[in-house]
Amino acid sequence: MTKRRLESSEREVFVVRLWCRTSDGAAWAGVIQHVGTGAVTRVRNARELLAYLAVQFEEGELPGPQGPGLR
């Protein structure tokens, strides 16, 4: 996947679904879907989730909270 610099007015949208795989909550799994492209990535833990997001955006290149939406 190619990294790209976001312009300040751009937004990337992901749907993240997480669920427990064990009754004690020690193991979980998840799916990340990029809304713009439809690409789906499966993750098995928080490290994989954060690694996926790190690939999508280089540190310091995320748009700031200047507009509406979650912060």
PDB file of N, CA and C in Angstrom:
ATOM      1  N   MET A   1       0.839  -1.172   0.000  1.00  0.00           N
ATOM      2  CA  MET A   1       0.000   0.000   0.000  1.00  0.00           C
ATOM      3  C   MET A   1       0.886   1.237   0.000  1.00  0.00           C
ATOM      4  N   THR A   2       0.508   2.230  -0.752  1.00  0.00           N
ATOM      5  CA  THR A   2       1.301   3.437  -0.903  1.00  0.00           C
ATOM      6  C   THR A   2       0.899   4.483   0.125  1.00  0.00           C
ATOM      7  N   LYS A   3       1.911   5.081   0.777  1.00  0.00           N
ATOM      8  CA  LYS A   3       1.635   6.185   1.683  1.00  0.00           C
ATOM      9  C   LYS A   3       1.447   7.438   0.854  1.00  0.00           C
ATOM     10  N   ARG A   4       0.583   8.315   1.310  1.00  0.00           N
ATOM     11  CA  ARG A   4       0.431   9.588   0.621  1.00  0.00           C
ATOM     12  C   ARG A   4       0.170  10.673   1.645  1.00  0.00           C
ATOM     13  N   ARG A   5       0.577  11.856   1.319  1.00  0.00           N
ATOM     14  CA  ARG A   5       0.379  12.996   2.213  1.00  0.00           C
ATOM     15  C   ARG A   5      -1.044  13.510   2.051  1.00  0.00           C
ATOM     16  N   LEU A   6      -1.720  13.718   3.174  1.00  0.00           N
ATOM     17  CA  LEU A   6      -3.083  14.248   3.144  1.00  0.00           C
ATOM     18  C   LEU A   6      -3.059  15.768   3.128  1.00  0.00           C
ATOM     19  N   GLU A   7      -3.919  16.337   2.339  1.00  0.00           N
ATOM     20  CA  GLU A   7      -4.121  17.780   2.386  1.00  0.00           C
ATOM     21  C   GLU A   7      -4.964  18.074   3.622  1.00  0.00           C
ATOM     22  N   SER A   8      -4.906  19.297   4.128  1.00  0.00           N
ATOM     23  CA  SER A   8      -5.599  19.623   5.374  1.00  0.00           C
ATOM     24  C   SER A   8      -7.109  19.453   5.276  1.00  0.00           C
ATOM     25  N   SER A   9      -7.671  19.500   4.062  1.00  0.00           N
ATOM     26  CA  SER A   9      -9.119  19.367   3.921  1.00  0.00           C
ATOM     27  C   SER A   9      -9.556  17.925   3.679  1.00  0.00           C
ATOM     28  N   GLU A  10      -8.610  16.999   3.508  1.00  0.00           N
ATOM     29  CA  GLU A  10      -8.953  15.609   3.230  1.00  0.00           C
ATOM     30  C   GLU A  10      -9.216  14.833   4.515  1.00  0.00           C
ATOM     31  N   ARG A  11     -10.007  13.799   4.386  1.00  0.00           N
ATOM     32  CA  ARG A  11     -10.275  12.889   5.495  1.00  0.00           C
ATOM     33  C   ARG A  11     -10.207  11.469   4.975  1.00  0.00           C
ATOM     34  N   GLU A  12      -9.699  10.583   5.779  1.00  0.00           N
ATOM     35  CA  GLU A  12      -9.731   9.158   5.488  1.00  0.00           C
ATOM     36  C   GLU A  12     -10.733   8.547   6.454  1.00  0.00           C
ATOM     37  N   VAL A  13     -11.587   7.667   5.964  1.00  0.00           N
ATOM     38  CA  VAL A  13     -12.626   7.073   6.798  1.00  0.00           C
ATOM     39  C   VAL A  13     -12.450   5.562   6.787  1.00  0.00           C
ATOM     40  N   PHE A  14     -12.469   4.980   7.991  1.00  0.00           N
ATOM     41  CA  PHE A  14     -12.343   3.543   8.158  1.00  0.00           C
ATOM     42  C   PHE A  14     -13.481   3.043   9.031  1.00  0.00           C
ATOM     43  N   VAL A  15     -13.955   1.852   8.753  1.00  0.00           N
ATOM     44  CA  VAL A  15     -14.884   1.161   9.640  1.00  0.00           C
ATOM     45  C   VAL A  15     -14.057   0.086  10.331  1.00  0.00           C
ATOM     46  N   VAL A  16     -14.043   0.122  11.659  1.00  0.00           N
ATOM     47  CA  VAL A  16     -13.268  -0.849  12.439  1.00  0.00           C
ATOM     48  C   VAL A  16     -14.241  -1.677  13.258  1.00  0.00           C
ATOM     49  N   ARG A  17     -14.219  -2.988  13.042  1.00  0.00           N
ATOM     50  CA  ARG A  17     -15.058  -3.906  13.818  1.00  0.00           C
ATOM     51  C   ARG A  17     -14.131  -4.802  14.620  1.00  0.00           C
ATOM     52  N   LEU A  18     -14.351  -4.859  15.935  1.00  0.00           N
ATOM     53  CA  LEU A  18     -13.542  -5.683  16.833  1.00  0.00           C
ATOM     54  C   LEU A  18     -14.454  -6.598  17.628  1.00  0.00           C
ATOM     55  N   TRP A  19     -13.991  -7.813  17.913  1.00  0.00           N
ATOM     56  CA  TRP A  19     -14.765  -8.737  18.723  1.00  0.00           C
ATOM     57  C   TRP A  19     -13.827  -9.632  19.516  1.00  0.00           C
ATOM     58  N   CYS A  20     -14.328 -10.101  20.663  1.00  0.00           N
ATOM     59  CA  CYS A  20     -13.567 -11.027  21.515  1.00  0.00           C
ATOM     60  C   CYS A  20     -13.646 -12.425  20.927  1.00  0.00           C
ATOM     61  N   ARG A  21     -12.519 -13.108  20.926  1.00  0.00           N
ATOM     62  CA  ARG A  21     -12.488 -14.488  20.445  1.00  0.00           C
ATOM     63  C   ARG A  21     -12.520 -15.488  21.590  1.00  0.00           C
ATOM     64  N   THR A  22     -12.320 -15.008  22.807  1.00  0.00           N
ATOM     65  CA  THR A  22     -12.357 -15.891  23.974  1.00  0.00           C
ATOM     66  C   THR A  22     -13.296 -15.302  25.019  1.00  0.00           C
ATOM     67  N   SER A  23     -13.828 -16.147  25.869  1.00  0.00           N
ATOM     68  CA  SER A  23     -14.793 -15.683  26.870  1.00  0.00           C
ATOM     69  C   SER A  23     -14.164 -14.747  27.898  1.00  0.00           C
ATOM     70  N   ASP A  24     -12.850 -14.858  28.121  1.00  0.00           N
ATOM     71  CA  ASP A  24     -12.202 -13.978  29.096  1.00  0.00           C
ATOM     72  C   ASP A  24     -11.737 -12.649  28.485  1.00  0.00           C
ATOM     73  N   GLY A  25     -11.945 -12.476  27.186  1.00  0.00           N
ATOM     74  CA  GLY A  25     -11.582 -11.228  26.525  1.00  0.00           C
ATOM     75  C   GLY A  25     -10.098 -11.070  26.251  1.00  0.00           C
ATOM     76  N   ALA A  26      -9.318 -12.122  26.478  1.00  0.00           N
ATOM     77  CA  ALA A  26      -7.866 -12.043  26.298  1.00  0.00           C
ATOM     78  C   ALA A  26      -7.451 -12.044  24.828  1.00  0.00           C
ATOM     79  N   ALA A  27      -8.253 -12.623  23.981  1.00  0.00           N
ATOM     80  CA  ALA A  27      -7.926 -12.677  22.552  1.00  0.00           C
ATOM     81  C   ALA A  27      -9.061 -12.041  21.764  1.00  0.00           C
ATOM     82  N   TRP A  28      -8.690 -11.264  20.786  1.00  0.00           N
ATOM     83  CA  TRP A  28      -9.705 -10.630  19.971  1.00  0.00           C
ATOM     84  C   TRP A  28      -9.256 -10.594  18.522  1.00  0.00           C
ATOM     85  N   ALA A  29     -10.164 -10.238  17.663  1.00  0.00           N
ATOM     86  CA  ALA A  29      -9.889 -10.131  16.230  1.00  0.00           C
ATOM     87  C   ALA A  29     -10.652  -8.933  15.708  1.00  0.00           C
ATOM     88  N   GLY A  30     -10.324  -8.532  14.507  1.00  0.00           N
ATOM     89  CA  GLY A  30     -11.017  -7.393  13.942  1.00  0.00           C
ATOM     90  C   GLY A  30     -10.835  -7.284  12.451  1.00  0.00           C
ATOM     91  N   VAL A  31     -11.635  -6.405  11.879  1.00  0.00           N
ATOM     92  CA  VAL A  31     -11.588  -6.112  10.452  1.00  0.00           C
ATOM     93  C   VAL A  31     -11.607  -4.596  10.304  1.00  0.00           C
ATOM     94  N   ILE A  32     -10.733  -4.090   9.450  1.00  0.00           N
ATOM     95  CA  ILE A  32     -10.701  -2.667   9.131  1.00  0.00           C
ATOM     96  C   ILE A  32     -11.072  -2.536   7.662  1.00  0.00           C
ATOM     97  N   GLN A  33     -12.053  -1.706   7.372  1.00  0.00           N
ATOM     98  CA  GLN A  33     -12.424  -1.460   5.981  1.00  0.00           C
ATOM     99  C   GLN A  33     -12.210   0.008   5.664  1.00  0.00           C
ATOM    100  N   HIS A  34     -11.461   0.272   4.620  1.00  0.00           N
ATOM    101  CA  HIS A  34     -11.268   1.639   4.143  1.00  0.00           C
ATOM    102  C   HIS A  34     -12.506   1.997   3.329  1.00  0.00           C
ATOM    103  N   VAL A  35     -13.247   2.979   3.781  1.00  0.00           N
ATOM    104  CA  VAL A  35     -14.525   3.314   3.154  1.00  0.00           C
ATOM    105  C   VAL A  35     -14.340   3.782   1.714  1.00  0.00           C
ATOM    106  N   GLY A  36     -13.318   4.546   1.456  1.00  0.00           N
ATOM    107  CA  GLY A  36     -13.112   5.084   0.116  1.00  0.00           C
ATOM    108  C   GLY A  36     -12.791   4.038  -0.934  1.00  0.00           C
ATOM    109  N   THR A  37     -12.008   3.017  -0.549  1.00  0.00           N
ATOM    110  CA  THR A  37     -11.581   2.002  -1.520  1.00  0.00           C
ATOM    111  C   THR A  37     -12.287   0.670  -1.354  1.00  0.00           C
ATOM    112  N   GLY A  38     -12.861   0.427  -0.180  1.00  0.00           N
ATOM    113  CA  GLY A  38     -13.482  -0.863   0.097  1.00  0.00           C
ATOM    114  C   GLY A  38     -12.493  -1.925   0.531  1.00  0.00           C
ATOM    115  N   ALA A  39     -11.195  -1.582   0.581  1.00  0.00           N
ATOM    116  CA  ALA A  39     -10.166  -2.548   0.975  1.00  0.00           C
ATOM    117  C   ALA A  39     -10.397  -3.008   2.412  1.00  0.00           C
ATOM    118  N   VAL A  40     -10.260  -4.312   2.636  1.00  0.00           N
ATOM    119  CA  VAL A  40     -10.487  -4.904   3.956  1.00  0.00           C
ATOM    120  C   VAL A  40      -9.191  -5.528   4.451  1.00  0.00           C
ATOM    121  N   THR A  41      -8.864  -5.266   5.719  1.00  0.00           N
ATOM    122  CA  THR A  41      -7.687  -5.844   6.359  1.00  0.00           C
ATOM    123  C   THR A  41      -8.119  -6.483   7.665  1.00  0.00           C
ATOM    124  N   ARG A  42      -7.659  -7.688   7.908  1.00  0.00           N
ATOM    125  CA  ARG A  42      -7.960  -8.387   9.161  1.00  0.00           C
ATOM    126  C   ARG A  42      -6.817  -8.177  10.146  1.00  0.00           C
ATOM    127  N   VAL A  43      -7.168  -7.996  11.424  1.00  0.00           N
ATOM    128  CA  VAL A  43      -6.164  -7.835  12.478  1.00  0.00           C
ATOM    129  C   VAL A  43      -6.465  -8.806  13.609  1.00  0.00           C
ATOM    130  N   ARG A  44      -5.403  -9.173  14.336  1.00  0.00           N
ATOM    131  CA  ARG A  44      -5.553 -10.116  15.446  1.00  0.00           C
ATOM    132  C   ARG A  44      -5.268  -9.496  16.801  1.00  0.00           C
ATOM    133  N   ASN A  45      -4.755  -8.260  16.804  1.00  0.00           N
ATOM    134  CA  ASN A  45      -4.434  -7.617  18.077  1.00  0.00           C
ATOM    135  C   ASN A  45      -4.231  -6.118  17.854  1.00  0.00           C
ATOM    136  N   ALA A  46      -4.043  -5.405  18.952  1.00  0.00           N
ATOM    137  CA  ALA A  46      -3.888  -3.949  18.873  1.00  0.00           C
ATOM    138  C   ALA A  46      -2.644  -3.563  18.091  1.00  0.00           C
ATOM    139  N   ARG A  47      -1.587  -4.334  18.219  1.00  0.00           N
ATOM    140  CA  ARG A  47      -0.354  -4.033  17.490  1.00  0.00           C
ATOM    141  C   ARG A  47      -0.597  -4.042  15.978  1.00  0.00           C
ATOM    142  N   GLU A  48      -1.326  -5.042  15.489  1.00  0.00           N
ATOM    143  CA  GLU A  48      -1.627  -5.108  14.057  1.00  0.00           C
ATOM    144  C   GLU A  48      -2.538  -3.961  13.622  1.00  0.00           C
ATOM    145  N   LEU A  49      -3.493  -3.598  14.476  1.00  0.00           N
ATOM    146  CA  LEU A  49      -4.379  -2.474  14.171  1.00  0.00           C
ATOM    147  C   LEU A  49      -3.577  -1.184  14.032  1.00  0.00           C
ATOM    148  N   LEU A  50      -2.709  -0.913  15.003  1.00  0.00           N
ATOM    149  CA  LEU A  50      -1.905   0.305  14.963  1.00  0.00           C
ATOM    150  C   LEU A  50      -0.891   0.287  13.825  1.00  0.00           C
ATOM    151  N   ALA A  51      -0.344  -0.881  13.518  1.00  0.00           N
ATOM    152  CA  ALA A  51       0.598  -0.994  12.400  1.00  0.00           C
ATOM    153  C   ALA A  51      -0.101  -0.674  11.082  1.00  0.00           C
ATOM    154  N   TYR A  52      -1.317  -1.158  10.930  1.00  0.00           N
ATOM    155  CA  TYR A  52      -2.086  -0.858   9.715  1.00  0.00           C
ATOM    156  C   TYR A  52      -2.292   0.649   9.574  1.00  0.00           C
ATOM    157  N   LEU A  53      -2.712   1.289  10.658  1.00  0.00           N
ATOM    158  CA  LEU A  53      -2.960   2.728  10.606  1.00  0.00           C
ATOM    159  C   LEU A  53      -1.668   3.504  10.363  1.00  0.00           C
ATOM    160  N   ALA A  54      -0.557   3.042  10.929  1.00  0.00           N
ATOM    161  CA  ALA A  54       0.728   3.707  10.712  1.00  0.00           C
ATOM    162  C   ALA A  54       1.130   3.663   9.242  1.00  0.00           C
ATOM    163  N   VAL A  55       0.808   2.572   8.569  1.00  0.00           N
ATOM    164  CA  VAL A  55       1.112   2.463   7.140  1.00  0.00           C
ATOM    165  C   VAL A  55       0.256   3.440   6.340  1.00  0.00           C
ATOM    166  N   GLN A  56      -0.965   3.651   6.773  1.00  0.00           N
ATOM    167  CA  GLN A  56      -1.873   4.538   6.046  1.00  0.00           C
ATOM    168  C   GLN A  56      -1.446   6.000   6.125  1.00  0.00           C
ATOM    169  N   PHE A  57      -0.845   6.385   7.227  1.00  0.00           N
ATOM    170  CA  PHE A  57      -0.481   7.787   7.453  1.00  0.00           C
ATOM    171  C   PHE A  57       0.905   7.854   8.054  1.00  0.00           C
ATOM    172  N   GLU A  58       1.737   8.682   7.482  1.00  0.00           N
ATOM    173  CA  GLU A  58       3.025   8.913   8.109  1.00  0.00           C
ATOM    174  C   GLU A  58       2.801   9.804   9.310  1.00  0.00           C
ATOM    175  N   GLU A  59       3.600   9.606  10.357  1.00  0.00           N
ATOM    176  CA  GLU A  59       3.456  10.381  11.587  1.00  0.00           C
ATOM    177  C   GLU A  59       3.520  11.872  11.282  1.00  0.00           C
ATOM    178  N   GLY A  60       2.599  12.609  11.872  1.00  0.00           N
ATOM    179  CA  GLY A  60       2.573  14.050  11.701  1.00  0.00           C
ATOM    180  C   GLY A  60       1.862  14.527  10.450  1.00  0.00           C
ATOM    181  N   GLU A  61       1.310  13.634   9.678  1.00  0.00           N
ATOM    182  CA  GLU A  61       0.651  14.038   8.449  1.00  0.00           C
ATOM    183  C   GLU A  61      -0.859  13.911   8.507  1.00  0.00           C
ATOM    184  N   LEU A  62      -1.404  13.572   9.649  1.00  0.00           N
ATOM    185  CA  LEU A  62      -2.852  13.507   9.781  1.00  0.00           C
ATOM    186  C   LEU A  62      -3.420  14.914   9.848  1.00  0.00           C
ATOM    187  N   PRO A  63      -4.568  15.134   9.256  1.00  0.00           N
ATOM    188  CA  PRO A  63      -5.175  16.457   9.355  1.00  0.00           C
ATOM    189  C   PRO A  63      -5.559  16.757  10.795  1.00  0.00           C
ATOM    190  N   GLY A  64      -5.464  18.008  11.178  1.00  0.00           N
ATOM    191  CA  GLY A  64      -5.809  18.413  12.533  1.00  0.00           C
ATOM    192  C   GLY A  64      -7.306  18.526  12.724  1.00  0.00           C
ATOM    193  N   PRO A  65      -7.736  18.786  13.957  1.00  0.00           N
ATOM    194  CA  PRO A  65      -9.170  18.840  14.275  1.00  0.00           C
ATOM    195  C   PRO A  65      -9.794  20.189  13.955  1.00  0.00           C
ATOM    196  N   GLN A  66      -9.648  20.666  12.716  1.00  0.00           N
ATOM    197  CA  GLN A  66     -10.218  21.966  12.397  1.00  0.00           C
ATOM    198  C   GLN A  66     -11.664  21.902  11.944  1.00  0.00           C
ATOM    199  N   GLY A  67     -12.177  20.738  11.622  1.00  0.00           N
ATOM    200  CA  GLY A  67     -13.542  20.641  11.133  1.00  0.00           C
ATOM    201  C   GLY A  67     -14.394  19.760  12.021  1.00  0.00           C
ATOM    202  N   PRO A  68     -15.628  19.521  11.610  1.00  0.00           N
ATOM    203  CA  PRO A  68     -16.522  18.667  12.389  1.00  0.00           C
ATOM    204  C   PRO A  68     -16.072  17.211  12.335  1.00  0.00           C
ATOM    205  N   GLY A  69     -16.507  16.433  13.295  1.00  0.00           N
ATOM    206  CA  GLY A  69     -16.181  15.008  13.311  1.00  0.00           C
ATOM    207  C   GLY A  69     -15.574  14.593  14.631  1.00  0.00           C
ATOM    208  N   LEU A  70     -15.232  13.343  14.716  1.00  0.00           N
ATOM    209  CA  LEU A  70     -14.629  12.817  15.932  1.00  0.00           C
ATOM    210  C   LEU A  70     -13.220  13.345  16.091  1.00  0.00           C
ATOM    211  N   ARG A  71     -12.819  13.522  17.329  1.00  0.00           N
ATOM    212  CA  ARG A  71     -11.452  13.982  17.622  1.00  0.00           C
ATOM    213  C   ARG A  71     -10.841  13.083  18.657  1.00  0.00           C
TER     214      ARG A  71
END
